Structures are given as C-alpha cells and as structure tokens.
Amino acid sequence: MKRYKTKAPRGKNNLAKTALEMMRSQQSKHGYNFCEKCTRSDKGLSIHHIVYRSERPKHPMLHEKINLIILCTFHED
C-alpha cells in the first residue's frame, strides 16, 4: 500500500488532511488511486477544487470532500 505524505503550507492543514483522507479512501475502496475524470492511474494524481479558490475564496465548503476531486496531470488545466 502506498503511503501519502503531505506537507501543507500554514493555513492549509485542513486541505492537506482532507486530500490525504480522499487518497486513502479511494485506495482502500478500489485497491489503487485513479483520476476521477478518466480513471487513468498511470499519470501523476493530485487534488483539485471544483469551485476554484480564486473564484470563491470564502466559500464555506472550500476544502471539504464535496468540493474536491482527484485528477491526473492531463486534466489539471
């Protein structure tokens, strides 16, 4: 099983904690991590906001699981 380490900048601990939970949850549920858009697992994966931080910085659910998605490097932009 892969171990995920996150080093979050100050003030981002909630996001790092939630991201780690999401990756671990997907790993335990499916046996591996994959992009939630195209299901690829051979590219680097990272957590992205559905409602962008720059768009709504004060959004109450900004760093919650409902507003985050696991994407591969192909879908980052």
N, C-alpha and C. Protein backbone atom coordinates (compact mmCIF):
# COMPACT_ATOMS: atom_id res chain seq x y z
N MET A 1 0.84 -1.18 0.00
CA MET A 1 0.00 0.00 0.00
C MET A 1 0.88 1.25 0.00
N LYS A 2 0.53 2.21 -0.84
CA LYS A 2 1.28 3.46 -0.89
C LYS A 2 1.00 4.29 0.34
N ARG A 3 2.01 4.98 0.78
CA ARG A 3 1.85 5.94 1.87
C ARG A 3 1.90 7.33 1.25
N TYR A 4 0.97 8.17 1.63
CA TYR A 4 0.94 9.52 1.11
C TYR A 4 1.34 10.49 2.20
N LYS A 5 2.27 11.33 1.87
CA LYS A 5 2.71 12.36 2.80
C LYS A 5 2.36 13.70 2.20
N THR A 6 1.85 14.56 3.02
CA THR A 6 1.57 15.90 2.53
C THR A 6 2.20 16.90 3.46
N LYS A 7 2.83 17.88 2.89
CA LYS A 7 3.36 18.99 3.65
C LYS A 7 2.58 20.21 3.22
N ALA A 8 1.76 20.70 4.09
CA ALA A 8 0.92 21.83 3.73
C ALA A 8 1.50 23.13 4.24
N PRO A 9 1.39 24.19 3.44
CA PRO A 9 1.78 25.50 3.95
C PRO A 9 0.88 25.89 5.11
N ARG A 10 1.31 26.83 5.89
CA ARG A 10 0.49 27.28 7.02
C ARG A 10 -0.89 27.68 6.54
N GLY A 11 -1.91 27.32 7.31
CA GLY A 11 -3.27 27.67 6.97
C GLY A 11 -3.92 26.70 5.99
N LYS A 12 -3.20 25.73 5.50
CA LYS A 12 -3.75 24.79 4.53
C LYS A 12 -3.88 23.39 5.13
N ASN A 13 -3.76 23.27 6.43
CA ASN A 13 -3.78 21.95 7.07
C ASN A 13 -5.08 21.21 6.82
N ASN A 14 -6.20 21.91 6.80
CA ASN A 14 -7.48 21.26 6.56
C ASN A 14 -7.52 20.66 5.15
N LEU A 15 -7.01 21.37 4.17
CA LEU A 15 -6.97 20.87 2.80
C LEU A 15 -6.05 19.66 2.70
N ALA A 16 -4.88 19.72 3.28
CA ALA A 16 -3.93 18.61 3.23
C ALA A 16 -4.52 17.37 3.90
N LYS A 17 -5.17 17.57 5.02
CA LYS A 17 -5.77 16.45 5.76
C LYS A 17 -6.90 15.81 4.94
N THR A 18 -7.75 16.64 4.35
CA THR A 18 -8.85 16.14 3.54
C THR A 18 -8.33 15.43 2.29
N ALA A 19 -7.31 15.99 1.65
CA ALA A 19 -6.72 15.37 0.46
C ALA A 19 -6.15 14.00 0.79
N LEU A 20 -5.46 13.91 1.89
CA LEU A 20 -4.89 12.63 2.33
C LEU A 20 -6.00 11.61 2.60
N GLU A 21 -7.07 12.05 3.25
CA GLU A 21 -8.22 11.17 3.51
C GLU A 21 -8.82 10.66 2.21
N MET A 22 -8.97 11.55 1.23
CA MET A 22 -9.55 11.16 -0.06
C MET A 22 -8.70 10.13 -0.77
N MET A 23 -7.40 10.34 -0.80
CA MET A 23 -6.49 9.40 -1.47
C MET A 23 -6.51 8.04 -0.76
N ARG A 24 -6.47 8.05 0.55
CA ARG A 24 -6.50 6.79 1.31
C ARG A 24 -7.83 6.08 1.15
N SER A 25 -8.93 6.83 1.14
CA SER A 25 -10.25 6.24 0.99
C SER A 25 -10.39 5.56 -0.37
N GLN A 26 -9.95 6.24 -1.42
CA GLN A 26 -10.00 5.66 -2.76
C GLN A 26 -9.12 4.41 -2.85
N GLN A 27 -7.95 4.48 -2.23
CA GLN A 27 -7.02 3.35 -2.22
C GLN A 27 -7.65 2.13 -1.54
N SER A 28 -8.27 2.34 -0.39
CA SER A 28 -8.85 1.21 0.34
C SER A 28 -10.12 0.68 -0.34
N LYS A 29 -10.89 1.55 -0.97
CA LYS A 29 -12.14 1.14 -1.61
C LYS A 29 -11.89 0.39 -2.93
N HIS A 30 -10.93 0.87 -3.73
CA HIS A 30 -10.72 0.31 -5.06
C HIS A 30 -9.41 -0.45 -5.22
N GLY A 31 -8.51 -0.31 -4.26
CA GLY A 31 -7.23 -1.01 -4.34
C GLY A 31 -6.13 -0.21 -5.01
N TYR A 32 -6.47 0.91 -5.60
CA TYR A 32 -5.48 1.78 -6.24
C TYR A 32 -6.09 3.18 -6.38
N ASN A 33 -5.25 4.16 -6.69
CA ASN A 33 -5.73 5.52 -6.91
C ASN A 33 -5.83 5.79 -8.40
N PHE A 34 -6.82 6.59 -8.79
CA PHE A 34 -7.05 6.89 -10.20
C PHE A 34 -7.70 8.26 -10.36
N CYS A 35 -7.62 8.78 -11.57
CA CYS A 35 -8.25 10.05 -11.92
C CYS A 35 -9.77 9.85 -11.91
N GLU A 36 -10.50 10.73 -11.25
CA GLU A 36 -11.95 10.59 -11.18
C GLU A 36 -12.64 11.01 -12.48
N LYS A 37 -11.91 11.61 -13.39
CA LYS A 37 -12.50 12.02 -14.67
C LYS A 37 -12.30 10.96 -15.75
N CYS A 38 -11.09 10.42 -15.86
CA CYS A 38 -10.81 9.47 -16.95
C CYS A 38 -10.40 8.08 -16.45
N THR A 39 -10.28 7.89 -15.17
CA THR A 39 -9.91 6.64 -14.48
C THR A 39 -8.48 6.18 -14.76
N ARG A 40 -7.63 7.04 -15.30
CA ARG A 40 -6.22 6.67 -15.51
C ARG A 40 -5.51 6.63 -14.17
N SER A 41 -4.59 5.71 -14.07
CA SER A 41 -3.79 5.62 -12.84
C SER A 41 -2.30 5.71 -13.14
N ASP A 42 -1.94 5.84 -14.41
CA ASP A 42 -0.53 5.84 -14.79
C ASP A 42 0.08 7.24 -14.84
N LYS A 43 -0.70 8.25 -14.60
CA LYS A 43 -0.20 9.63 -14.56
C LYS A 43 -0.20 10.10 -13.12
N GLY A 44 0.54 11.15 -12.85
CA GLY A 44 0.55 11.71 -11.50
C GLY A 44 -0.83 12.21 -11.11
N LEU A 45 -1.19 12.02 -9.87
CA LEU A 45 -2.50 12.43 -9.39
C LEU A 45 -2.37 13.53 -8.36
N SER A 46 -3.36 14.41 -8.34
CA SER A 46 -3.40 15.45 -7.32
C SER A 46 -4.84 15.87 -7.08
N ILE A 47 -5.04 16.55 -5.99
CA ILE A 47 -6.37 17.00 -5.59
C ILE A 47 -6.60 18.41 -6.13
N HIS A 48 -7.79 18.63 -6.68
CA HIS A 48 -8.15 19.95 -7.21
C HIS A 48 -9.52 20.36 -6.70
N HIS A 49 -9.72 21.67 -6.63
CA HIS A 49 -11.01 22.21 -6.22
C HIS A 49 -11.98 22.22 -7.39
N ILE A 50 -13.23 21.91 -7.13
CA ILE A 50 -14.27 22.01 -8.15
C ILE A 50 -14.67 23.48 -8.28
N VAL A 51 -15.01 24.11 -7.16
CA VAL A 51 -15.18 25.56 -7.11
C VAL A 51 -13.81 26.11 -6.76
N TYR A 52 -13.20 26.82 -7.70
CA TYR A 52 -11.82 27.29 -7.53
C TYR A 52 -11.66 28.21 -6.33
N ARG A 53 -10.51 28.12 -5.68
CA ARG A 53 -10.20 29.00 -4.55
C ARG A 53 -10.20 30.46 -5.00
N SER A 54 -9.69 30.73 -6.17
CA SER A 54 -9.62 32.11 -6.66
C SER A 54 -11.01 32.66 -7.00
N GLU A 55 -11.92 31.77 -7.33
CA GLU A 55 -13.28 32.16 -7.70
C GLU A 55 -14.11 32.54 -6.48
N ARG A 56 -14.03 31.73 -5.44
CA ARG A 56 -14.81 31.96 -4.22
C ARG A 56 -13.95 31.65 -3.00
N PRO A 57 -13.01 32.54 -2.64
CA PRO A 57 -12.08 32.25 -1.54
C PRO A 57 -12.74 32.06 -0.18
N LYS A 58 -13.92 32.59 0.01
CA LYS A 58 -14.63 32.48 1.30
C LYS A 58 -15.72 31.40 1.28
N HIS A 59 -15.73 30.56 0.27
CA HIS A 59 -16.74 29.51 0.14
C HIS A 59 -16.70 28.63 1.39
N PRO A 60 -17.85 28.38 2.04
CA PRO A 60 -17.86 27.62 3.30
C PRO A 60 -17.43 26.16 3.15
N MET A 61 -17.56 25.59 1.98
CA MET A 61 -17.19 24.19 1.77
C MET A 61 -15.93 24.07 0.91
N LEU A 62 -15.09 25.09 0.91
CA LEU A 62 -13.95 25.17 0.01
C LEU A 62 -13.02 23.97 0.10
N HIS A 63 -12.67 23.54 1.29
CA HIS A 63 -11.72 22.44 1.47
C HIS A 63 -12.39 21.15 1.92
N GLU A 64 -13.69 21.02 1.68
CA GLU A 64 -14.42 19.80 2.04
C GLU A 64 -14.40 18.82 0.88
N LYS A 65 -14.61 17.54 1.18
CA LYS A 65 -14.56 16.48 0.16
C LYS A 65 -15.53 16.72 -0.99
N ILE A 66 -16.66 17.31 -0.69
CA ILE A 66 -17.67 17.55 -1.73
C ILE A 66 -17.17 18.53 -2.80
N ASN A 67 -16.19 19.36 -2.46
CA ASN A 67 -15.66 20.36 -3.39
C ASN A 67 -14.28 19.97 -3.95
N LEU A 68 -13.84 18.77 -3.71
CA LEU A 68 -12.51 18.34 -4.17
C LEU A 68 -12.63 17.13 -5.09
N ILE A 69 -11.69 17.01 -6.01
CA ILE A 69 -11.69 15.91 -6.97
C ILE A 69 -10.24 15.47 -7.21
N ILE A 70 -10.05 14.18 -7.42
CA ILE A 70 -8.72 13.64 -7.73
C ILE A 70 -8.58 13.62 -9.25
N LEU A 71 -7.56 14.34 -9.76
CA LEU A 71 -7.34 14.41 -11.21
C LEU A 71 -5.91 14.02 -11.56
N CYS A 72 -5.75 13.48 -12.77
CA CYS A 72 -4.41 13.19 -13.27
C CYS A 72 -3.81 14.45 -13.88
N THR A 73 -2.54 14.41 -14.21
CA THR A 73 -1.86 15.59 -14.74
C THR A 73 -2.45 16.04 -16.08
N PHE A 74 -3.08 15.16 -16.81
CA PHE A 74 -3.69 15.51 -18.09
C PHE A 74 -4.85 16.49 -17.91
N HIS A 75 -5.59 16.37 -16.80
CA HIS A 75 -6.78 17.20 -16.57
C HIS A 75 -6.54 18.38 -15.64
N GLU A 76 -5.32 18.67 -15.28
CA GLU A 76 -5.05 19.73 -14.31
C GLU A 76 -5.49 21.11 -14.78
N ASP A 77 -5.41 21.39 -16.05
CA ASP A 77 -5.73 22.74 -16.53
C ASP A 77 -7.17 22.96 -16.80
